[in-house]
Protein backbone atom coordinates (compact mmCIF):
# COMPACT_ATOMS: atom_id res chain seq x y z
CA MET A 1 0.00 0.00 0.00
CA PRO A 2 1.95 1.85 -0.56
CA CYS A 3 1.73 4.31 -0.48
CA GLY A 4 2.34 7.32 1.10
CA GLY A 5 -1.28 6.87 1.47
CA PRO A 6 -1.90 4.84 -1.55
CA CYS A 7 -4.43 1.96 -1.36
CA SER A 8 -1.86 -0.65 -0.78
CA ALA A 9 -4.47 -2.95 0.72
CA CYS A 10 -5.96 -6.32 0.07
CA PRO A 11 -8.40 -5.83 -2.84
CA VAL A 12 -10.82 -8.51 -1.73
CA CYS A 13 -11.93 -7.54 1.77
CA PRO A 14 -15.72 -7.30 1.57
CA THR A 15 -16.24 -3.77 2.90
CA PRO A 16 -12.99 -1.77 3.28
CA GLU A 17 -14.51 1.60 2.41
CA THR A 18 -11.71 3.65 3.91
CA ALA A 19 -9.55 6.48 2.66
CA GLU A 20 -9.14 10.20 3.16
CA PRO A 21 -12.24 12.06 4.39
CA THR A 22 -14.55 13.24 1.65
CA ILE A 23 -16.09 16.69 1.62
CA ALA A 24 -19.15 16.89 3.82
CA GLN A 25 -22.53 16.76 2.15
CA GLN A 26 -24.30 17.92 5.29
CA PRO A 27 -23.94 20.87 7.72
CA ALA A 28 -20.55 20.93 9.42
CA PRO A 29 -20.35 20.36 13.18
CA THR A 30 -19.84 23.37 15.42
CA THR A 31 -17.54 21.62 17.89
CA PRO A 32 -14.11 20.10 17.36
CA VAL A 33 -14.10 16.62 15.84
CA THR A 34 -12.55 13.83 17.91
CA GLU A 35 -11.98 10.37 16.46
CA ALA A 36 -13.12 7.34 18.39
CA SER A 37 -10.41 5.39 20.19
CA ARG A 38 -8.55 3.04 17.88
CA GLY A 39 -7.00 1.01 20.70
CA ARG A 40 -3.78 1.25 22.64
CA LEU A 41 -0.21 0.11 23.07
CA GLU A 42 0.35 -1.95 26.20
CA LEU A 43 3.83 -2.54 27.64
CA GLY A 44 4.68 -6.22 27.21
CA GLU A 45 7.48 -8.71 27.71
CA TRP A 46 10.05 -10.03 25.25
CA SER A 47 9.23 -13.59 26.28
CA LYS A 48 5.70 -13.17 24.86
CA LEU A 49 6.90 -12.57 21.29
CA PRO A 50 6.49 -15.93 19.50
CA ASP A 51 9.79 -17.31 18.13
CA PHE A 52 11.62 -14.00 18.45
CA ALA A 53 14.86 -15.86 19.18
CA ALA A 54 14.45 -17.93 15.99
CA ASP A 55 14.01 -15.02 13.58
CA ASP A 56 17.05 -13.61 11.78
CA PRO A 57 16.59 -9.85 12.27
CA GLY A 58 19.38 -8.80 9.88
CA ASP A 59 17.19 -7.52 7.03
CA ALA A 60 14.80 -5.80 9.45
CA PHE A 61 17.76 -4.14 11.18
CA ALA A 62 19.06 -2.86 7.84
CA ALA A 63 15.59 -1.53 7.00
CA PHE A 64 15.36 0.18 10.39
CA VAL A 65 18.77 1.84 9.98
CA GLN A 66 17.75 3.06 6.52
CA GLY A 67 14.58 4.52 8.03
CA CYS A 68 16.57 6.39 10.68
CA THR A 69 17.22 9.08 8.09
CA ALA A 70 13.53 9.98 8.40
CA LEU A 71 13.54 9.78 12.21
CA ALA A 72 16.44 12.19 12.78
CA GLY A 73 14.17 15.03 13.88
CA LYS A 74 12.35 12.99 16.54
CA PRO A 75 14.11 13.21 19.96
CA GLU A 76 12.91 9.79 21.15
CA TRP A 77 14.65 8.10 18.21
CA GLN A 78 17.96 9.97 18.07
CA ASP A 79 19.97 7.91 20.57
CA VAL A 80 18.78 4.49 19.40
CA CYS A 81 19.32 5.43 15.75
CA SER A 82 22.83 6.61 16.55
CA ARG A 83 23.65 3.31 18.24
CA ALA A 84 22.06 1.36 15.37
CA THR A 85 24.21 3.22 12.82
CA VAL A 86 27.38 2.39 14.74
CA LEU A 87 26.38 -1.27 14.98
CA ALA A 88 25.59 -1.41 11.25
CA GLN A 89 29.09 -0.17 10.45
CA SER A 90 30.62 -2.93 12.58
CA LYS A 91 29.11 -5.71 10.43
CA ALA A 92 27.45 -7.25 13.49
CA LYS A 93 26.36 -10.87 13.58
CA THR A 94 22.80 -12.11 13.99
CA ALA A 95 23.04 -12.62 17.76
CA GLU A 96 24.44 -9.11 18.27
CA ILE A 97 21.65 -7.56 16.24
CA ARG A 98 19.00 -9.49 18.14
CA GLN A 99 20.54 -8.38 21.44
CA PHE A 100 20.58 -4.79 20.19
CA PHE A 101 16.80 -4.83 19.89
CA ILE A 102 16.38 -6.40 23.33
CA ASP A 103 18.73 -3.89 24.98
CA ASN A 104 17.41 -0.77 23.28
CA PHE A 105 13.69 -1.36 22.81
CA ALA A 106 10.64 -2.23 24.87
CA PRO A 107 7.87 -4.29 23.21
CA PHE A 108 4.36 -2.83 23.33
CA ARG A 109 1.49 -5.18 22.57
CA VAL A 110 -1.00 -3.67 20.11
CA VAL A 111 -4.52 -3.90 21.56
CA ASN A 112 -7.79 -3.08 19.78
CA ALA A 113 -10.42 -0.81 21.30
CA ASP A 114 -12.50 -3.91 22.19
CA GLU A 115 -9.52 -5.35 24.14
CA THR A 116 -8.76 -8.04 21.55
CA ASP A 117 -5.25 -8.29 20.15
CA THR A 118 -5.80 -9.90 16.74
CA GLY A 119 -6.62 -8.31 13.41
CA LEU A 120 -6.43 -8.58 9.64
CA ILE A 121 -3.03 -8.90 7.92
CA THR A 122 -3.09 -8.54 4.15
CA GLY A 123 -0.29 -8.34 1.58
CA TYR A 124 0.90 -6.08 -1.22
CA TYR A 125 3.73 -6.07 -3.74
CA GLU A 126 5.40 -4.16 -6.55
CA PRO A 127 3.95 -5.35 -9.89
CA LEU A 128 5.57 -5.30 -13.32
CA LEU A 129 3.40 -3.90 -16.12
CA ARG A 130 3.99 -3.56 -19.87
CA GLY A 131 3.82 -0.02 -21.13
CA SER A 132 5.19 2.94 -23.03
CA ARG A 133 5.92 6.62 -22.47
CA THR A 134 3.68 7.42 -25.45
CA ARG A 135 0.26 6.17 -26.44
CA THR A 136 0.04 3.46 -29.09
CA ALA A 137 -2.63 1.06 -30.27
CA GLU A 138 -1.24 -1.49 -27.81
CA PHE A 139 -0.56 0.84 -24.90
CA ARG A 140 -3.69 2.95 -24.48
CA TYR A 141 -4.50 2.99 -20.74
CA PRO A 142 -2.97 6.05 -19.06
CA LEU A 143 -1.22 6.48 -15.73
CA TYR A 144 -1.79 10.07 -14.64
CA GLY A 145 0.36 12.44 -12.66
CA PRO A 146 -1.31 14.65 -10.03
CA PRO A 147 -3.76 17.19 -11.48
CA GLN A 148 -3.06 20.86 -10.83
CA ASP A 149 -6.62 21.57 -9.70
CA LEU A 150 -6.49 18.98 -6.89
CA ILE A 151 -6.60 20.85 -3.57
CA THR A 152 -5.49 19.24 -0.30
CA VAL A 153 -6.52 20.61 3.10
CA ASP A 154 -4.56 19.45 6.15
CA LEU A 155 -7.23 19.02 8.84
CA ALA A 156 -4.62 19.01 11.63
CA GLU A 157 -4.12 22.71 11.06
CA VAL A 158 -7.62 23.17 12.46
CA TYR A 159 -7.93 20.12 14.70
CA PRO A 160 -4.63 18.63 16.00
CA ASP A 161 -6.42 15.42 17.00
CA LEU A 162 -6.94 14.77 13.28
CA LYS A 163 -3.20 14.64 12.63
CA GLY A 164 -2.46 12.90 9.35
CA ARG A 165 -5.99 13.46 7.98
CA ARG A 166 -6.45 15.44 4.77
CA LEU A 167 -9.42 16.64 2.78
CA ARG A 168 -9.18 16.64 -1.01
CA GLY A 169 -11.31 18.40 -3.58
CA ARG A 170 -11.36 21.05 -6.33
CA LEU A 171 -12.67 24.59 -6.61
CA VAL A 172 -15.81 25.34 -8.55
CA GLY A 173 -16.21 29.08 -8.28
CA ASN A 174 -15.41 29.76 -4.64
CA LYS A 175 -16.69 26.40 -3.39
CA LEU A 176 -14.59 23.34 -2.58
CA VAL A 177 -16.32 20.26 -4.03
CA PRO A 178 -15.32 16.57 -4.21
CA TYR A 179 -12.73 15.76 -6.84
CA LEU A 180 -13.63 13.69 -9.90
CA GLU A 181 -14.41 10.02 -9.32
CA ARG A 182 -12.81 7.13 -11.22
CA SER A 183 -15.66 6.94 -13.75
CA ALA A 184 -15.02 10.54 -14.84
CA ILE A 185 -11.22 10.32 -14.79
CA ASP A 186 -11.20 7.13 -16.88
CA SER A 187 -13.29 8.60 -19.69
CA GLU A 188 -11.44 8.38 -23.02
CA GLY A 189 -10.92 10.59 -26.02
CA GLU A 190 -10.53 14.32 -26.53
CA THR A 191 -12.80 15.09 -23.56
CA ALA A 192 -10.78 13.09 -21.01
CA PRO A 193 -10.53 15.55 -18.07
CA LEU A 194 -6.89 14.81 -17.26
CA ARG A 195 -5.67 14.64 -20.85
CA GLY A 196 -2.06 15.83 -21.03
CA LEU A 197 -1.10 14.60 -17.55
CA GLU A 198 -0.17 11.07 -18.65
CA ILE A 199 3.26 9.91 -17.43
CA ALA A 200 2.97 6.50 -19.14
CA TRP A 201 0.53 4.22 -20.95
CA VAL A 202 0.00 0.51 -20.22
CA ASP A 203 -1.64 -2.33 -22.13
CA ASN A 204 -4.18 -3.54 -19.57
CA ALA A 205 -6.84 -1.59 -17.66
CA VAL A 206 -7.12 -4.20 -14.90
CA GLU A 207 -3.37 -4.21 -14.29
CA SER A 208 -3.52 -0.41 -14.07
CA PHE A 209 -6.35 -0.71 -11.53
CA PHE A 210 -4.34 -3.09 -9.36
CA LEU A 211 -1.26 -0.89 -9.68
CA GLN A 212 -3.29 1.80 -7.95
CA ILE A 213 -4.13 -0.61 -5.14
CA GLN A 214 -0.47 -1.57 -4.68
CA GLY A 215 0.64 2.06 -4.86
CA SER A 216 3.86 1.51 -6.82
CA GLY A 217 5.25 -0.63 -9.61
CA GLN A 218 7.61 -0.95 -12.55
CA ILE A 219 6.81 -0.64 -16.24
CA GLN A 220 8.62 -2.65 -18.90
CA LEU A 221 9.15 -0.30 -21.86
CA PRO A 222 9.41 -1.36 -25.52
CA ASP A 223 13.18 -0.75 -25.61
CA GLY A 224 13.75 -3.20 -22.73
CA SER A 225 14.31 -0.55 -20.06
CA ARG A 226 12.06 -0.05 -17.06
CA MET A 227 10.56 2.94 -15.31
CA ARG A 228 9.52 2.81 -11.68
CA VAL A 229 6.41 4.71 -10.62
CA GLY A 230 5.18 5.50 -7.14
CA TYR A 231 2.24 7.07 -5.37
CA ALA A 232 2.00 10.84 -5.82
CA ASP A 233 -1.54 11.66 -4.65
CA GLN A 234 -5.13 10.44 -4.49
CA ASN A 235 -8.48 11.96 -5.46
CA GLY A 236 -9.89 11.87 -1.93
CA HIS A 237 -12.70 9.39 -2.50
CA PRO A 238 -12.98 6.32 -0.23
CA PHE A 239 -11.50 3.05 -1.40
CA LYS A 240 -14.17 0.45 -2.16
CA SER A 241 -13.28 -3.17 -2.74
CA LEU A 242 -13.69 -4.54 -6.25
CA GLY A 243 -13.68 -8.06 -4.84
CA GLY A 244 -16.39 -7.17 -2.35
CA LEU A 245 -18.56 -5.68 -5.11
CA LEU A 246 -18.14 -8.76 -7.31
CA ILE A 247 -19.17 -10.97 -4.38
CA ARG A 248 -22.24 -8.88 -3.58
CA ARG A 249 -23.35 -8.89 -7.24
CA GLY A 250 -22.97 -12.65 -7.50
CA GLU A 251 -20.10 -12.47 -10.01
CA LEU A 252 -17.58 -14.24 -7.75
CA LYS A 253 -17.72 -16.52 -4.74
CA LEU A 254 -15.81 -15.45 -1.65
CA GLU A 255 -13.23 -18.20 -1.98
CA ARG A 256 -12.41 -17.03 -5.54
CA ALA A 257 -12.13 -13.33 -4.74
CA SER A 258 -8.34 -13.14 -4.53
CA MET A 259 -6.40 -10.80 -6.81
CA GLN A 260 -5.73 -13.76 -9.10
CA GLY A 261 -9.43 -14.71 -9.10
CA ILE A 262 -10.50 -11.15 -9.93
CA LYS A 263 -8.06 -10.97 -12.86
CA GLU A 264 -9.38 -14.27 -14.19
CA TRP A 265 -12.97 -12.94 -13.91
CA ALA A 266 -11.89 -9.83 -15.84
CA ARG A 267 -10.44 -11.95 -18.67
CA ARG A 268 -13.76 -13.76 -18.98
CA ASN A 269 -15.90 -10.59 -18.74
CA PRO A 270 -14.14 -7.79 -20.64
CA ASP A 271 -17.40 -5.92 -21.28
CA LYS A 272 -18.13 -5.64 -17.55
CA VAL A 273 -14.68 -4.64 -16.31
CA GLN A 274 -14.92 -0.83 -16.45
CA GLN A 275 -18.41 -0.83 -14.94
CA PHE A 276 -17.24 -2.77 -11.90
CA MET A 277 -13.96 -0.85 -11.56
CA ASN A 278 -16.02 2.35 -11.44
CA GLY A 279 -17.57 0.97 -8.26
CA ASN A 280 -14.34 2.05 -6.57
CA PRO A 281 -14.36 5.87 -6.91
CA SER A 282 -10.87 6.18 -5.42
CA TYR A 283 -8.11 7.03 -7.91
CA VAL A 284 -4.34 7.16 -7.39
CA PHE A 285 -1.99 9.49 -9.26
CA PHE A 286 1.64 8.54 -9.88
CA LYS A 287 5.08 10.03 -10.33
CA GLU A 288 8.19 8.56 -11.89
CA LEU A 289 10.79 7.52 -9.33
CA PRO A 290 14.58 7.72 -9.78
CA ALA A 291 16.35 4.77 -11.36
CA GLY A 292 18.53 2.58 -9.16
CA LEU A 293 16.34 2.46 -6.05
CA SER A 294 16.46 -0.79 -4.08
CA GLY A 295 12.68 -0.82 -3.82
CA PRO A 296 9.54 1.34 -4.09
CA ILE A 297 9.34 4.35 -1.80
CA GLY A 298 6.98 4.03 1.17
CA THR A 299 5.29 6.72 3.23
CA LEU A 300 8.36 7.01 5.48
CA GLY A 301 10.29 8.21 2.44
CA VAL A 302 12.75 5.31 2.14
CA PRO A 303 12.77 2.24 -0.15
CA LEU A 304 10.73 -0.70 1.08
CA THR A 305 12.40 -4.01 1.93
CA ALA A 306 10.78 -7.21 0.68
CA GLU A 307 9.23 -9.27 3.49
CA ARG A 308 10.43 -6.81 6.13
CA SER A 309 8.44 -3.61 5.43
CA LEU A 310 4.94 -3.22 6.82
CA ALA A 311 2.13 -0.78 6.02
CA VAL A 312 0.27 0.29 9.15
CA ASP A 313 -2.20 2.86 10.45
CA ALA A 314 0.20 5.64 11.44
CA ARG A 315 -2.37 7.05 13.86
CA VAL A 316 -1.65 4.01 16.03
CA ILE A 317 1.83 2.77 15.12
CA PRO A 318 4.64 5.30 14.57
CA LEU A 319 6.22 5.12 11.14
CA GLY A 320 9.83 3.96 11.36
CA ALA A 321 9.24 1.76 14.40
CA PRO A 322 10.18 -1.95 14.35
CA VAL A 323 7.09 -4.16 14.62
CA TYR A 324 7.10 -7.83 15.57
CA LEU A 325 4.40 -9.61 13.57
CA SER A 326 2.89 -12.97 14.43
CA THR A 327 0.64 -14.36 11.72
CA THR A 328 0.51 -17.22 9.18
CA PHE A 329 1.56 -17.59 5.56
CA PRO A 330 -1.13 -16.96 2.91
CA ASN A 331 -3.75 -19.73 2.67
CA SER A 332 -1.85 -21.67 5.31
CA LYS A 333 -1.65 -22.45 9.02
CA ASN A 334 2.15 -22.33 8.92
CA GLU A 335 3.38 -19.67 11.32
CA LEU A 336 4.95 -16.46 10.03
CA ASN A 337 6.65 -14.76 12.98
CA ARG A 338 8.95 -11.99 11.85
CA LEU A 339 10.50 -8.68 12.82
CA MET A 340 9.24 -5.99 10.44
CA VAL A 341 9.53 -2.20 10.18
CA ALA A 342 6.55 0.17 9.86
CA GLN A 343 7.50 2.10 6.71
CA ASP A 344 4.28 2.56 4.77
CA THR A 345 0.57 3.33 4.96
CA GLY A 346 -2.42 2.57 2.74
CA GLY A 347 -5.92 3.87 2.09
CA ALA A 348 -7.55 0.70 3.47
CA ILE A 349 -5.06 0.14 6.30
CA ALA A 350 -7.13 1.66 9.07
CA GLY A 351 -7.37 0.23 12.55
CA THR A 352 -5.22 -0.86 15.44
CA VAL A 353 -4.18 -4.46 14.74
CA ARG A 354 -4.22 -4.01 10.96
CA ALA A 355 -1.27 -4.25 8.60
CA ASP A 356 -0.18 -4.90 5.01
CA PHE A 357 2.85 -7.15 4.48
CA PHE A 358 5.15 -6.09 1.61
CA TRP A 359 6.08 -9.23 -0.35
CA GLY A 360 8.47 -7.63 -2.85
CA PHE A 361 8.57 -7.41 -6.63
CA GLY A 362 7.01 -9.30 -9.52
CA ASP A 363 4.97 -12.45 -9.91
CA ALA A 364 6.43 -14.20 -6.87
CA GLY A 365 5.49 -11.31 -4.60
CA GLY A 366 2.11 -10.95 -6.28
CA ASN A 367 1.31 -14.62 -5.81
CA GLN A 368 1.74 -14.29 -2.05
CA ALA A 369 0.22 -10.82 -1.71
CA GLY A 370 -2.91 -11.65 -3.69
CA LYS A 371 -3.78 -14.56 -1.41
CA MET A 372 -2.87 -13.05 1.96
CA LYS A 373 -5.81 -12.43 4.26
CA GLN A 374 -4.66 -13.77 7.62
CA GLN A 375 -5.26 -13.03 11.28
CA GLY A 376 -2.30 -11.76 13.25
CA ARG A 377 -0.93 -10.03 16.33
CA MET A 378 1.62 -7.22 16.58
CA TRP A 379 4.09 -5.74 19.07
CA VAL A 380 5.57 -2.29 18.44
CA LEU A 381 9.19 -1.91 19.57
CA LEU A 382 9.81 1.55 20.99
CA PRO A 383 12.99 3.06 22.49
CA ARG A 384 13.42 2.20 26.16
CA GLY A 385 12.20 5.01 28.39
CA TYR A 386 9.71 6.32 25.85
CA ASP A 387 6.07 6.04 26.92
CA PRO A 388 3.74 6.32 23.90
CA ASN A 389 0.68 6.54 26.13
CA ALA A 390 2.08 9.53 28.02
CA ALA A 391 2.83 11.22 24.71
CA THR A 392 -0.73 10.57 23.52
CA ALA A 393 -2.19 11.93 26.77
CA ALA A 394 -0.07 15.08 26.51
CA ALA A 395 -1.26 15.68 22.96
CA ALA A 396 -4.88 15.19 24.01
CA ALA A 397 -4.47 17.69 26.86
CA ALA A 398 -3.11 20.40 24.58
CA PRO A 399 -5.42 23.40 23.96
CA GLN A 400 -7.82 22.81 21.08
CA PRO A 401 -8.80 25.44 18.49
CA THR A 402 -12.20 27.08 18.84
CA THR A 403 -13.03 27.37 15.15
CA GLN A 404 -16.80 27.33 14.72
CA ALA A 405 -17.03 24.76 11.96
CA ALA A 406 -15.01 22.12 10.15
CA PRO A 407 -15.62 19.58 7.41
CA GLN A 408 -16.91 16.27 8.64
CA ALA A 409 -14.38 13.43 8.59
CA ARG A 410 -15.11 9.76 8.77
């Protein structure tokens, strides 16, 4: 999901209608908006982390050190990042790295608002598409860059308790209205509203749709080279599951509504594809990323690491923090207990125990990501001495603005 904020979420969950707030269609409230509790972080014990001693944390450690570049301005992370950088330069062995986490971090169990500690773990990946920088008869489905008339309002400037929430729309006269939905953006021909903003063209509308869900990908160009694209912005409409819609309309059975199953349905029903894709009004805009990156760029601003980067709800889990994940492999009861790093977010990744597992690049990653819909538990590793609950309480106690009205957020 990637995505700084892309929909990097499982495409088959029946009702994940989550994304940025849309513009209110009813009178705005006259009191500050406060979101319902999403759960809490509870101080735990290392001995409760399943198979922590059996996991090789080397790749997760490298991902954490890379993410420290984005944590430099946060006082609670400075000392531990400094020590991690020194250790990385020493070419430490597995046991030393594992001990580093034990000595420098405290594990906090992630608990839902209803006091349960399990939740949905889905998967995402970086796909490879076939495309061109110019339109041809073969490559006729556009990937758009961000439109200039897309306006983003940071709600935290009015209500600090809505940190990370943004409102998107466009001006019609002096009124801010919802931005165009997918059905309007995907219209073809001379009247296409975003004509001229194409950064590439691909050969398959369904692959383009799923690229938006993943949030990033690579495009194989006719000359054999590749361009990497990543999330740039989103139209502000809520993400609605294509798989869920196909299930509700009787087009697919639940057990067939994986990414692979949806693509197979699309091959059999080409005349229905656009109609059903339009059921998801959310639309992602892309930008070309520099060549030579080790992976797609996540919300944290650093390249993602296959099978070690995690997309989370950043309102609950701080980006950059190591996260110990206990779940199972896709379509399996085999345990998957692994140290990860929270480096990404996604439009449908909303909730306390809720995460998206980054499986890497290409068909192998897509095969795992498309099937992953597991239950799991999480522990956030935070620097020793730092109390996230005290920090949350201090933020809640801060003076709130007295503005008379604000747009309604979900």
